[in-house]
Amino acid sequence: MLCFGNRRGEIKLWDVDHKQNLRHFQSHQSSVTAISWSQQLLSSGSALG
């Protein structure tokens, strides 16, 4: 699995093996600058805090 954020404040969780998007979060109003995740928890930060 791959988790990444972008400049639009979105976070996406991808299944790399099957090449499909598992989850999409519109979580911030600015660029996502940090992501930390484990099996049960995903946390993120943005340019605004």
PDB file of N, CA and C in Angstrom:
ATOM      1  N   MET A   1       0.828  -1.180   0.000  1.00  0.00           N
ATOM      2  CA  MET A   1       0.000   0.000   0.000  1.00  0.00           C
ATOM      3  C   MET A   1       0.873   1.246   0.000  1.00  0.00           C
ATOM      4  N   LEU A   2       0.308   2.297  -0.532  1.00  0.00           N
ATOM      5  CA  LEU A   2       0.994   3.574  -0.633  1.00  0.00           C
ATOM      6  C   LEU A   2       0.039   4.665  -0.182  1.00  0.00           C
ATOM      7  N   CYS A   3       0.526   5.553   0.664  1.00  0.00           N
ATOM      8  CA  CYS A   3      -0.266   6.692   1.127  1.00  0.00           C
ATOM      9  C   CYS A   3       0.489   7.962   0.762  1.00  0.00           C
ATOM     10  N   PHE A   4      -0.209   8.930   0.150  1.00  0.00           N
ATOM     11  CA  PHE A   4       0.452  10.172  -0.232  1.00  0.00           C
ATOM     12  C   PHE A   4      -0.517  11.343  -0.175  1.00  0.00           C
ATOM     13  N   GLY A   5       0.040  12.531  -0.028  1.00  0.00           N
ATOM     14  CA  GLY A   5      -0.742  13.760  -0.027  1.00  0.00           C
ATOM     15  C   GLY A   5      -0.300  14.653  -1.165  1.00  0.00           C
ATOM     16  N   ASN A   6      -1.118  15.673  -1.457  1.00  0.00           N
ATOM     17  CA  ASN A   6      -0.779  16.564  -2.560  1.00  0.00           C
ATOM     18  C   ASN A   6      -0.996  18.027  -2.184  1.00  0.00           C
ATOM     19  N   ARG A   7      -0.757  18.908  -3.131  1.00  0.00           N
ATOM     20  CA  ARG A   7      -0.868  20.356  -2.897  1.00  0.00           C
ATOM     21  C   ARG A   7      -2.302  20.826  -2.705  1.00  0.00           C
ATOM     22  N   ARG A   8      -3.259  20.024  -3.122  1.00  0.00           N
ATOM     23  CA  ARG A   8      -4.676  20.397  -2.983  1.00  0.00           C
ATOM     24  C   ARG A   8      -5.261  19.993  -1.633  1.00  0.00           C
ATOM     25  N   GLY A   9      -4.424  19.427  -0.756  1.00  0.00           N
ATOM     26  CA  GLY A   9      -4.889  19.023   0.565  1.00  0.00           C
ATOM     27  C   GLY A   9      -5.522  17.648   0.606  1.00  0.00           C
ATOM     28  N   GLU A  10      -5.348  16.880  -0.456  1.00  0.00           N
ATOM     29  CA  GLU A  10      -5.926  15.542  -0.525  1.00  0.00           C
ATOM     30  C   GLU A  10      -4.928  14.499  -0.032  1.00  0.00           C
ATOM     31  N   ILE A  11      -5.458  13.440   0.541  1.00  0.00           N
ATOM     32  CA  ILE A  11      -4.654  12.278   0.912  1.00  0.00           C
ATOM     33  C   ILE A  11      -5.278  11.068   0.238  1.00  0.00           C
ATOM     34  N   LYS A  12      -4.429  10.244  -0.379  1.00  0.00           N
ATOM     35  CA  LYS A  12      -4.922   9.062  -1.080  1.00  0.00           C
ATOM     36  C   LYS A  12      -4.188   7.825  -0.584  1.00  0.00           C
ATOM     37  N   LEU A  13      -4.932   6.751  -0.472  1.00  0.00           N
ATOM     38  CA  LEU A  13      -4.392   5.457  -0.079  1.00  0.00           C
ATOM     39  C   LEU A  13      -4.585   4.504  -1.256  1.00  0.00           C
ATOM     40  N   TRP A  14      -3.475   3.990  -1.768  1.00  0.00           N
ATOM     41  CA  TRP A  14      -3.498   3.151  -2.967  1.00  0.00           C
ATOM     42  C   TRP A  14      -3.072   1.724  -2.669  1.00  0.00           C
ATOM     43  N   ASP A  15      -3.720   0.785  -3.333  1.00  0.00           N
ATOM     44  CA  ASP A  15      -3.281  -0.605  -3.375  1.00  0.00           C
ATOM     45  C   ASP A  15      -2.370  -0.715  -4.594  1.00  0.00           C
ATOM     46  N   VAL A  16      -1.084  -0.779  -4.362  1.00  0.00           N
ATOM     47  CA  VAL A  16      -0.106  -0.772  -5.451  1.00  0.00           C
ATOM     48  C   VAL A  16      -0.201  -2.054  -6.281  1.00  0.00           C
ATOM     49  N   ASP A  17      -0.430  -3.185  -5.630  1.00  0.00           N
ATOM     50  CA  ASP A  17      -0.500  -4.460  -6.351  1.00  0.00           C
ATOM     51  C   ASP A  17      -1.654  -4.495  -7.354  1.00  0.00           C
ATOM     52  N   HIS A  18      -2.799  -3.952  -6.966  1.00  0.00           N
ATOM     53  CA  HIS A  18      -3.986  -3.978  -7.829  1.00  0.00           C
ATOM     54  C   HIS A  18      -4.213  -2.662  -8.580  1.00  0.00           C
ATOM     55  N   LYS A  19      -3.326  -1.696  -8.352  1.00  0.00           N
ATOM     56  CA  LYS A  19      -3.384  -0.396  -9.039  1.00  0.00           C
ATOM     57  C   LYS A  19      -4.757   0.261  -8.909  1.00  0.00           C
ATOM     58  N   GLN A  20      -5.226   0.343  -7.654  1.00  0.00           N
ATOM     59  CA  GLN A  20      -6.510   0.999  -7.441  1.00  0.00           C
ATOM     60  C   GLN A  20      -6.511   1.842  -6.175  1.00  0.00           C
ATOM     61  N   ASN A  21      -7.304   2.886  -6.221  1.00  0.00           N
ATOM     62  CA  ASN A  21      -7.456   3.801  -5.097  1.00  0.00           C
ATOM     63  C   ASN A  21      -8.366   3.160  -4.054  1.00  0.00           C
ATOM     64  N   LEU A  22      -7.880   3.048  -2.815  1.00  0.00           N
ATOM     65  CA  LEU A  22      -8.690   2.468  -1.752  1.00  0.00           C
ATOM     66  C   LEU A  22      -9.474   3.524  -0.990  1.00  0.00           C
ATOM     67  N   ARG A  23      -8.840   4.660  -0.738  1.00  0.00           N
ATOM     68  CA  ARG A  23      -9.491   5.748   0.008  1.00  0.00           C
ATOM     69  C   ARG A  23      -9.010   7.089  -0.515  1.00  0.00           C
ATOM     70  N   HIS A  24      -9.882   8.070  -0.399  1.00  0.00           N
ATOM     71  CA  HIS A  24      -9.559   9.441  -0.782  1.00  0.00           C
ATOM     72  C   HIS A  24     -10.104  10.354   0.300  1.00  0.00           C
ATOM     73  N   PHE A  25      -9.250  11.184   0.872  1.00  0.00           N
ATOM     74  CA  PHE A  25      -9.647  12.117   1.920  1.00  0.00           C
ATOM     75  C   PHE A  25      -9.371  13.544   1.452  1.00  0.00           C
ATOM     76  N   GLN A  26     -10.343  14.408   1.546  1.00  0.00           N
ATOM     77  CA  GLN A  26     -10.124  15.841   1.341  1.00  0.00           C
ATOM     78  C   GLN A  26      -9.953  16.408   2.741  1.00  0.00           C
ATOM     79  N   SER A  27      -8.710  16.457   3.214  1.00  0.00           N
ATOM     80  CA  SER A  27      -8.485  16.675   4.639  1.00  0.00           C
ATOM     81  C   SER A  27      -7.917  18.037   5.006  1.00  0.00           C
ATOM     82  N   HIS A  28      -7.342  18.760   4.057  1.00  0.00           N
ATOM     83  CA  HIS A  28      -6.703  20.033   4.383  1.00  0.00           C
ATOM     84  C   HIS A  28      -7.051  21.095   3.346  1.00  0.00           C
ATOM     85  N   GLN A  29      -6.868  22.347   3.725  1.00  0.00           N
ATOM     86  CA  GLN A  29      -7.112  23.459   2.808  1.00  0.00           C
ATOM     87  C   GLN A  29      -5.821  23.973   2.176  1.00  0.00           C
ATOM     88  N   SER A  30      -4.710  23.304   2.467  1.00  0.00           N
ATOM     89  CA  SER A  30      -3.420  23.664   1.876  1.00  0.00           C
ATOM     90  C   SER A  30      -2.623  22.384   1.643  1.00  0.00           C
ATOM     91  N   SER A  31      -1.396  22.520   1.174  1.00  0.00           N
ATOM     92  CA  SER A  31      -0.554  21.367   0.851  1.00  0.00           C
ATOM     93  C   SER A  31      -0.369  20.441   2.040  1.00  0.00           C
ATOM     94  N   VAL A  32      -0.466  19.148   1.784  1.00  0.00           N
ATOM     95  CA  VAL A  32      -0.158  18.148   2.800  1.00  0.00           C
ATOM     96  C   VAL A  32       1.360  18.069   2.907  1.00  0.00           C
ATOM     97  N   THR A  33       1.882  18.268   4.106  1.00  0.00           N
ATOM     98  CA  THR A  33       3.333  18.287   4.296  1.00  0.00           C
ATOM     99  C   THR A  33       3.842  17.133   5.152  1.00  0.00           C
ATOM    100  N   ALA A  34       2.938  16.390   5.802  1.00  0.00           N
ATOM    101  CA  ALA A  34       3.360  15.282   6.656  1.00  0.00           C
ATOM    102  C   ALA A  34       2.263  14.229   6.720  1.00  0.00           C
ATOM    103  N   ILE A  35       2.676  12.961   6.695  1.00  0.00           N
ATOM    104  CA  ILE A  35       1.753  11.837   6.865  1.00  0.00           C
ATOM    105  C   ILE A  35       2.444  10.795   7.728  1.00  0.00           C
ATOM    106  N   SER A  36       1.690  10.267   8.670  1.00  0.00           N
ATOM    107  CA  SER A  36       2.157   9.146   9.479  1.00  0.00           C
ATOM    108  C   SER A  36       0.998   8.165   9.577  1.00  0.00           C
ATOM    109  N   TRP A  37       1.286   6.878   9.374  1.00  0.00           N
ATOM    110  CA  TRP A  37       0.192   5.920   9.460  1.00  0.00           C
ATOM    111  C   TRP A  37       0.657   4.567   9.940  1.00  0.00           C
ATOM    112  N   SER A  38      -0.282   3.847  10.527  1.00  0.00           N
ATOM    113  CA  SER A  38      -0.083   2.474  10.973  1.00  0.00           C
ATOM    114  C   SER A  38      -1.300   1.686  10.496  1.00  0.00           C
ATOM    115  N   GLN A  39      -1.490   0.496  10.992  1.00  0.00           N
ATOM    116  CA  GLN A  39      -2.611  -0.330  10.541  1.00  0.00           C
ATOM    117  C   GLN A  39      -3.967   0.290  10.863  1.00  0.00           C
ATOM    118  N   GLN A  40      -4.059   1.034  11.964  1.00  0.00           N
ATOM    119  CA  GLN A  40      -5.360   1.531  12.401  1.00  0.00           C
ATOM    120  C   GLN A  40      -5.475   3.047  12.469  1.00  0.00           C
ATOM    121  N   LEU A  41      -4.399   3.776  12.233  1.00  0.00           N
ATOM    122  CA  LEU A  41      -4.431   5.217  12.430  1.00  0.00           C
ATOM    123  C   LEU A  41      -3.662   5.941  11.330  1.00  0.00           C
ATOM    124  N   LEU A  42      -4.270   7.000  10.812  1.00  0.00           N
ATOM    125  CA  LEU A  42      -3.629   7.866   9.826  1.00  0.00           C
ATOM    126  C   LEU A  42      -3.676   9.285  10.362  1.00  0.00           C
ATOM    127  N   SER A  43      -2.526   9.940  10.413  1.00  0.00           N
ATOM    128  CA  SER A  43      -2.496  11.347  10.822  1.00  0.00           C
ATOM    129  C   SER A  43      -1.737  12.130   9.756  1.00  0.00           C
ATOM    130  N   SER A  44      -2.101  13.406   9.635  1.00  0.00           N
ATOM    131  CA  SER A  44      -1.476  14.230   8.605  1.00  0.00           C
ATOM    132  C   SER A  44      -1.373  15.666   9.073  1.00  0.00           C
ATOM    133  N   GLY A  45      -0.487  16.394   8.426  1.00  0.00           N
ATOM    134  CA  GLY A  45      -0.320  17.814   8.698  1.00  0.00           C
ATOM    135  C   GLY A  45      -0.246  18.571   7.387  1.00  0.00           C
ATOM    136  N   SER A  46      -0.513  19.860   7.463  1.00  0.00           N
ATOM    137  CA  SER A  46      -0.498  20.673   6.249  1.00  0.00           C
ATOM    138  C   SER A  46       0.370  21.910   6.447  1.00  0.00           C
ATOM    139  N   ALA A  47       0.499  22.686   5.393  1.00  0.00           N
ATOM    140  CA  ALA A  47       1.279  23.918   5.459  1.00  0.00           C
ATOM    141  C   ALA A  47       0.677  24.918   6.442  1.00  0.00           C
ATOM    142  N   LEU A  48      -0.609  24.790   6.719  1.00  0.00           N
ATOM    143  CA  LEU A  48      -1.273  25.682   7.678  1.00  0.00           C
ATOM    144  C   LEU A  48      -1.242  25.154   9.108  1.00  0.00           C
ATOM    145  N   GLY A  49      -0.738  23.956   9.295  1.00  0.00           N
ATOM    146  CA  GLY A  49      -0.629  23.401  10.649  1.00  0.00           C
ATOM    147  C   GLY A  49      -1.370  22.129  10.852  1.00  0.00           C
TER     148      GLY A  49
END
